[in-house]
Amino acid sequence: MSHPVSERLQGGCACGHIRYRLERNPIVVHCCHCHTCQRMSGSAFSINAMIETDQVTLIGDGVPTTSTDNPMMHRCPKCLLPLWGNHPMFGKDMAFVRVGNLDKADQLAPEVHYFTASKHPWVAIPPHVPAFEQGNEGDSVLGKEAQSRLNIVLEHKQ
C-alpha cells in the first residue's frame, strides 16, 4: 500500500550528527494514537515508517546509540533525538523510523491509523484512510509485496 517515492529519502537528528537514508520505500507508514506514542512523541500521535532495519543506511560519521532503559530506541548520542525504534513484536530486523526526522517527511502520509480509541478528539482522520480503535484488528492494510516483506522479517525475528 506504500506510495512510491521518487528518490531515496534521507533524514537525521536535530543537531546534524546522525544522517541516514531509506534504501527503499517503507512497508507501511502508520500513525499511532496510543498513549505511549503520545508521550514518547510529545504530540497527539507518532508517525512511523516501518522498514527493514537493513534498509536504513547511515550516511556520515554519526552512529545512533541505545540506552539500558530503552534498548529498542535508537537516538542521536549528542541531541538524544529518537530516530527509529524496534518493537518487541517485530524484533530488531524491523525499524520504525520517525517520519518527522525525514528531510521530506511530507512525502510519507499515514496509510493507516492505530489505537484511535485514545486519539485526541480534535485529530481528524481522512475518511479514505483505514483506522482501527486498537491495533490492526485482523484486517490487513498491506498489499502483497508489503505483506511478503513483513513475513520475511517475522520469519527471521531476532
Foldseek 3Di string as FASTA:
>chain_A
DFDADPDWWKFDDPVPQWIKTQQGFALFKEWEQDPVQCVLVVHRIFIWGKHFPVRIGTDDDFFWAADPVANQFTAGPPPRDTAWGDDPQQAPRITGGGLVRIPPSVSHDHQEYALCLNGDPVDDDPPVHHYDNHGPPPDDPGDPVSVVNSVVSNVVHD
